[in-house]
């Protein structure tokens, strides 16, 4: 395994799972990649952001 991948959303119940994923990544010495799904834009604009 080369990384820990975790899906996130804006709901509060997802926070403990995010904390677990971060702790697991630290424990294993692996990078943590966060994935988020966003609704399709109705304006045709594309939004891109990254966390480093």
PDB file of N, CA and C in Angstrom:
ATOM      1  N   UNK A   1       0.859  -1.175   0.000  1.00  0.00           N
ATOM      2  CA  UNK A   1       0.000   0.000   0.000  1.00  0.00           C
ATOM      3  C   UNK A   1       0.903   1.235   0.000  1.00  0.00           C
ATOM      4  N   UNK A   2       0.600   2.189  -0.908  1.00  0.00           N
ATOM      5  CA  UNK A   2       1.438   3.365  -1.050  1.00  0.00           C
ATOM      6  C   UNK A   2       0.856   4.619  -0.434  1.00  0.00           C
ATOM      7  N   UNK A   3      -0.444   4.601  -0.137  1.00  0.00           N
ATOM      8  CA  UNK A   3      -1.088   5.770   0.439  1.00  0.00           C
ATOM      9  C   UNK A   3      -2.406   5.361   1.096  1.00  0.00           C
ATOM     10  N   UNK A   4      -2.909   6.234   1.937  1.00  0.00           N
ATOM     11  CA  UNK A   4      -4.224   6.063   2.531  1.00  0.00           C
ATOM     12  C   UNK A   4      -5.158   6.999   1.770  1.00  0.00           C
ATOM     13  N   UNK A   5      -6.268   6.475   1.257  1.00  0.00           N
ATOM     14  CA  UNK A   5      -7.242   7.284   0.525  1.00  0.00           C
ATOM     15  C   UNK A   5      -8.524   7.318   1.348  1.00  0.00           C
ATOM     16  N   UNK A   6      -9.057   8.520   1.533  1.00  0.00           N
ATOM     17  CA  UNK A   6     -10.264   8.676   2.347  1.00  0.00           C
ATOM     18  C   UNK A   6     -11.199   9.666   1.679  1.00  0.00           C
ATOM     19  N   UNK A   7     -12.474   9.308   1.596  1.00  0.00           N
ATOM     20  CA  UNK A   7     -13.488  10.202   1.041  1.00  0.00           C
ATOM     21  C   UNK A   7     -14.042  11.102   2.139  1.00  0.00           C
ATOM     22  N   UNK A   8     -14.219  12.364   1.844  1.00  0.00           N
ATOM     23  CA  UNK A   8     -14.735  13.317   2.835  1.00  0.00           C
ATOM     24  C   UNK A   8     -15.945  14.047   2.278  1.00  0.00           C
ATOM     25  N   UNK A   9     -16.776  14.521   3.193  1.00  0.00           N
ATOM     26  CA  UNK A   9     -17.880  15.391   2.828  1.00  0.00           C
ATOM     27  C   UNK A   9     -18.067  16.410   3.943  1.00  0.00           C
ATOM     28  N   UNK A  10     -19.091  17.236   3.840  1.00  0.00           N
ATOM     29  CA  UNK A  10     -19.256  18.328   4.801  1.00  0.00           C
ATOM     30  C   UNK A  10     -20.016  17.915   6.057  1.00  0.00           C
ATOM     31  N   UNK A  11     -20.454  16.686   6.145  1.00  0.00           N
ATOM     32  CA  UNK A  11     -21.238  16.257   7.305  1.00  0.00           C
ATOM     33  C   UNK A  11     -20.341  16.031   8.516  1.00  0.00           C
ATOM     34  N   UNK A  12     -20.817  16.436   9.675  1.00  0.00           N
ATOM     35  CA  UNK A  12     -20.064  16.243  10.916  1.00  0.00           C
ATOM     36  C   UNK A  12     -19.752  14.776  11.204  1.00  0.00           C
ATOM     37  N   UNK A  13     -20.645  13.815  10.892  1.00  0.00           N
ATOM     38  CA  UNK A  13     -20.318  12.415  11.189  1.00  0.00           C
ATOM     39  C   UNK A  13     -19.088  11.895  10.456  1.00  0.00           C
ATOM     40  N   UNK A  14     -18.666  12.568   9.390  1.00  0.00           N
ATOM     41  CA  UNK A  14     -17.491  12.088   8.661  1.00  0.00           C
ATOM     42  C   UNK A  14     -16.185  12.504   9.332  1.00  0.00           C
ATOM     43  N   UNK A  15     -16.232  13.421  10.280  1.00  0.00           N
ATOM     44  CA  UNK A  15     -15.003  13.931  10.911  1.00  0.00           C
ATOM     45  C   UNK A  15     -14.244  12.839  11.671  1.00  0.00           C
ATOM     46  N   UNK A  16     -14.893  12.015  12.511  1.00  0.00           N
ATOM     47  CA  UNK A  16     -14.127  10.965  13.201  1.00  0.00           C
ATOM     48  C   UNK A  16     -13.424  10.002  12.237  1.00  0.00           C
ATOM     49  N   UNK A  17     -14.049   9.691  11.111  1.00  0.00           N
ATOM     50  CA  UNK A  17     -13.410   8.817  10.130  1.00  0.00           C
ATOM     51  C   UNK A  17     -12.198   9.505   9.502  1.00  0.00           C
ATOM     52  N   UNK A  18     -12.298  10.811   9.292  1.00  0.00           N
ATOM     53  CA  UNK A  18     -11.164  11.561   8.756  1.00  0.00           C
ATOM     54  C   UNK A  18     -10.001  11.560   9.746  1.00  0.00           C
ATOM     55  N   UNK A  19     -10.307  11.749  11.016  1.00  0.00           N
ATOM     56  CA  UNK A  19      -9.268  11.715  12.054  1.00  0.00           C
ATOM     57  C   UNK A  19      -8.614  10.337  12.088  1.00  0.00           C
ATOM     58  N   UNK A  20      -9.421   9.288  11.994  1.00  0.00           N
ATOM     59  CA  UNK A  20      -8.872   7.932  11.981  1.00  0.00           C
ATOM     60  C   UNK A  20      -7.934   7.755  10.789  1.00  0.00           C
ATOM     61  N   UNK A  21      -8.354   8.203   9.600  1.00  0.00           N
ATOM     62  CA  UNK A  21      -7.532   8.056   8.400  1.00  0.00           C
ATOM     63  C   UNK A  21      -6.207   8.815   8.547  1.00  0.00           C
ATOM     64  N   UNK A  22      -6.263  10.004   9.116  1.00  0.00           N
ATOM     65  CA  UNK A  22      -5.038  10.788   9.319  1.00  0.00           C
ATOM     66  C   UNK A  22      -4.113  10.087  10.307  1.00  0.00           C
ATOM     67  N   UNK A  23      -4.662   9.592  11.400  1.00  0.00           N
ATOM     68  CA  UNK A  23      -3.854   8.857  12.380  1.00  0.00           C
ATOM     69  C   UNK A  23      -3.230   7.610  11.757  1.00  0.00           C
ATOM     70  N   UNK A  24      -4.014   6.900  10.963  1.00  0.00           N
ATOM     71  CA  UNK A  24      -3.513   5.685  10.311  1.00  0.00           C
ATOM     72  C   UNK A  24      -2.393   6.007   9.329  1.00  0.00           C
ATOM     73  N   UNK A  25      -2.531   7.097   8.592  1.00  0.00           N
ATOM     74  CA  UNK A  25      -1.477   7.506   7.658  1.00  0.00           C
ATOM     75  C   UNK A  25      -0.186   7.836   8.412  1.00  0.00           C
ATOM     76  N   UNK A  26      -0.316   8.539   9.525  1.00  0.00           N
ATOM     77  CA  UNK A  26       0.872   8.862  10.334  1.00  0.00           C
ATOM     78  C   UNK A  26       1.483   7.585  10.889  1.00  0.00           C
ATOM     79  N   UNK A  27       0.652   6.709  11.425  1.00  0.00           N
ATOM     80  CA  UNK A  27       1.143   5.463  12.030  1.00  0.00           C
ATOM     81  C   UNK A  27       1.902   4.620  11.013  1.00  0.00           C
ATOM     82  N   UNK A  28       1.414   4.583   9.784  1.00  0.00           N
ATOM     83  CA  UNK A  28       2.048   3.768   8.745  1.00  0.00           C
ATOM     84  C   UNK A  28       3.122   4.514   7.957  1.00  0.00           C
ATOM     85  N   UNK A  29       3.247   5.835   8.204  1.00  0.00           N
ATOM     86  CA  UNK A  29       4.223   6.628   7.464  1.00  0.00           C
ATOM     87  C   UNK A  29       3.861   6.778   5.998  1.00  0.00           C
ATOM     88  N   UNK A  30       2.553   6.875   5.722  1.00  0.00           N
ATOM     89  CA  UNK A  30       2.073   6.986   4.348  1.00  0.00           C
ATOM     90  C   UNK A  30       1.382   8.326   4.127  1.00  0.00           C
ATOM     91  N   UNK A  31       1.382   8.795   2.878  1.00  0.00           N
ATOM     92  CA  UNK A  31       0.633  10.026   2.589  1.00  0.00           C
ATOM     93  C   UNK A  31      -0.869   9.759   2.677  1.00  0.00           C
ATOM     94  N   UNK A  32      -1.613  10.807   2.975  1.00  0.00           N
ATOM     95  CA  UNK A  32      -3.070  10.734   3.038  1.00  0.00           C
ATOM     96  C   UNK A  32      -3.639  11.505   1.861  1.00  0.00           C
ATOM     97  N   UNK A  33      -4.419  10.824   1.031  1.00  0.00           N
ATOM     98  CA  UNK A  33      -5.079  11.473  -0.111  1.00  0.00           C
ATOM     99  C   UNK A  33      -6.565  11.573   0.226  1.00  0.00           C
ATOM    100  N   UNK A  34      -7.096  12.789   0.144  1.00  0.00           N
ATOM    101  CA  UNK A  34      -8.508  13.021   0.428  1.00  0.00           C
ATOM    102  C   UNK A  34      -9.264  13.152  -0.887  1.00  0.00           C
ATOM    103  N   UNK A  35     -10.393  12.484  -0.971  1.00  0.00           N
ATOM    104  CA  UNK A  35     -11.236  12.552  -2.162  1.00  0.00           C
ATOM    105  C   UNK A  35     -12.575  13.151  -1.768  1.00  0.00           C
ATOM    106  N   UNK A  36     -13.064  14.049  -2.604  1.00  0.00           N
ATOM    107  CA  UNK A  36     -14.353  14.680  -2.348  1.00  0.00           C
ATOM    108  C   UNK A  36     -15.146  14.718  -3.650  1.00  0.00           C
ATOM    109  N   UNK A  37     -16.423  14.430  -3.548  1.00  0.00           N
ATOM    110  CA  UNK A  37     -17.307  14.528  -4.714  1.00  0.00           C
ATOM    111  C   UNK A  37     -18.088  15.826  -4.602  1.00  0.00           C
ATOM    112  N   UNK A  38     -18.167  16.547  -5.688  1.00  0.00           N
ATOM    113  CA  UNK A  38     -18.909  17.804  -5.703  1.00  0.00           C
ATOM    114  C   UNK A  38     -19.960  17.733  -6.811  1.00  0.00           C
ATOM    115  N   UNK A  39     -21.080  18.412  -6.618  1.00  0.00           N
ATOM    116  CA  UNK A  39     -22.106  18.391  -7.654  1.00  0.00           C
ATOM    117  C   UNK A  39     -21.590  19.011  -8.957  1.00  0.00           C
ATOM    118  N   UNK A  40     -22.120  18.534 -10.049  1.00  0.00           N
ATOM    119  CA  UNK A  40     -21.761  19.084 -11.359  1.00  0.00           C
ATOM    120  C   UNK A  40     -22.203  20.546 -11.426  1.00  0.00           C
ATOM    121  N   UNK A  41     -21.369  21.383 -11.969  1.00  0.00           N
ATOM    122  CA  UNK A  41     -21.665  22.802 -12.089  1.00  0.00           C
ATOM    123  C   UNK A  41     -22.769  23.030 -13.123  1.00  0.00           C
ATOM    124  N   UNK A  42     -23.705  23.880 -12.775  1.00  0.00           N
ATOM    125  CA  UNK A  42     -24.750  24.228 -13.731  1.00  0.00           C
ATOM    126  C   UNK A  42     -24.378  25.472 -14.539  1.00  0.00           C
ATOM    127  N   UNK A  43     -23.260  26.113 -14.169  1.00  0.00           N
ATOM    128  CA  UNK A  43     -22.834  27.327 -14.868  1.00  0.00           C
ATOM    129  C   UNK A  43     -21.748  27.068 -15.891  1.00  0.00           C
ATOM    130  N   UNK A  44     -21.243  25.833 -15.922  1.00  0.00           N
ATOM    131  CA  UNK A  44     -20.179  25.507 -16.860  1.00  0.00           C
ATOM    132  C   UNK A  44     -18.790  25.820 -16.320  1.00  0.00           C
ATOM    133  N   UNK A  45     -18.715  26.402 -15.107  1.00  0.00           N
ATOM    134  CA  UNK A  45     -17.423  26.715 -14.502  1.00  0.00           C
ATOM    135  C   UNK A  45     -16.846  25.466 -13.846  1.00  0.00           C
ATOM    136  N   UNK A  46     -15.553  25.347 -13.902  1.00  0.00           N
ATOM    137  CA  UNK A  46     -14.877  24.236 -13.260  1.00  0.00           C
ATOM    138  C   UNK A  46     -14.068  24.795 -12.101  1.00  0.00           C
ATOM    139  N   UNK A  47     -14.243  24.209 -10.928  1.00  0.00           N
ATOM    140  CA  UNK A  47     -13.487  24.624  -9.759  1.00  0.00           C
ATOM    141  C   UNK A  47     -12.492  23.531  -9.409  1.00  0.00           C
ATOM    142  N   UNK A  48     -11.245  23.894  -9.238  1.00  0.00           N
ATOM    143  CA  UNK A  48     -10.199  22.943  -8.886  1.00  0.00           C
ATOM    144  C   UNK A  48      -9.449  23.481  -7.685  1.00  0.00           C
ATOM    145  N   UNK A  49      -9.195  22.604  -6.684  1.00  0.00           N
ATOM    146  CA  UNK A  49      -8.375  23.013  -5.559  1.00  0.00           C
ATOM    147  C   UNK A  49      -7.583  21.833  -5.074  1.00  0.00           C
ATOM    148  N   UNK A  50      -6.481  22.142  -4.441  1.00  0.00           N
ATOM    149  CA  UNK A  50      -5.597  21.095  -3.935  1.00  0.00           C
ATOM    150  C   UNK A  50      -5.136  21.472  -2.542  1.00  0.00           C
ATOM    151  N   UNK A  51      -4.892  20.449  -1.757  1.00  0.00           N
ATOM    152  CA  UNK A  51      -4.331  20.629  -0.415  1.00  0.00           C
ATOM    153  C   UNK A  51      -2.960  19.999  -0.429  1.00  0.00           C
ATOM    154  N   UNK A  52      -1.969  20.755  -0.008  1.00  0.00           N
ATOM    155  CA  UNK A  52      -0.607  20.206   0.015  1.00  0.00           C
ATOM    156  C   UNK A  52      -0.106  20.093   1.420  1.00  0.00           C
TER     157      UNK A  52
END
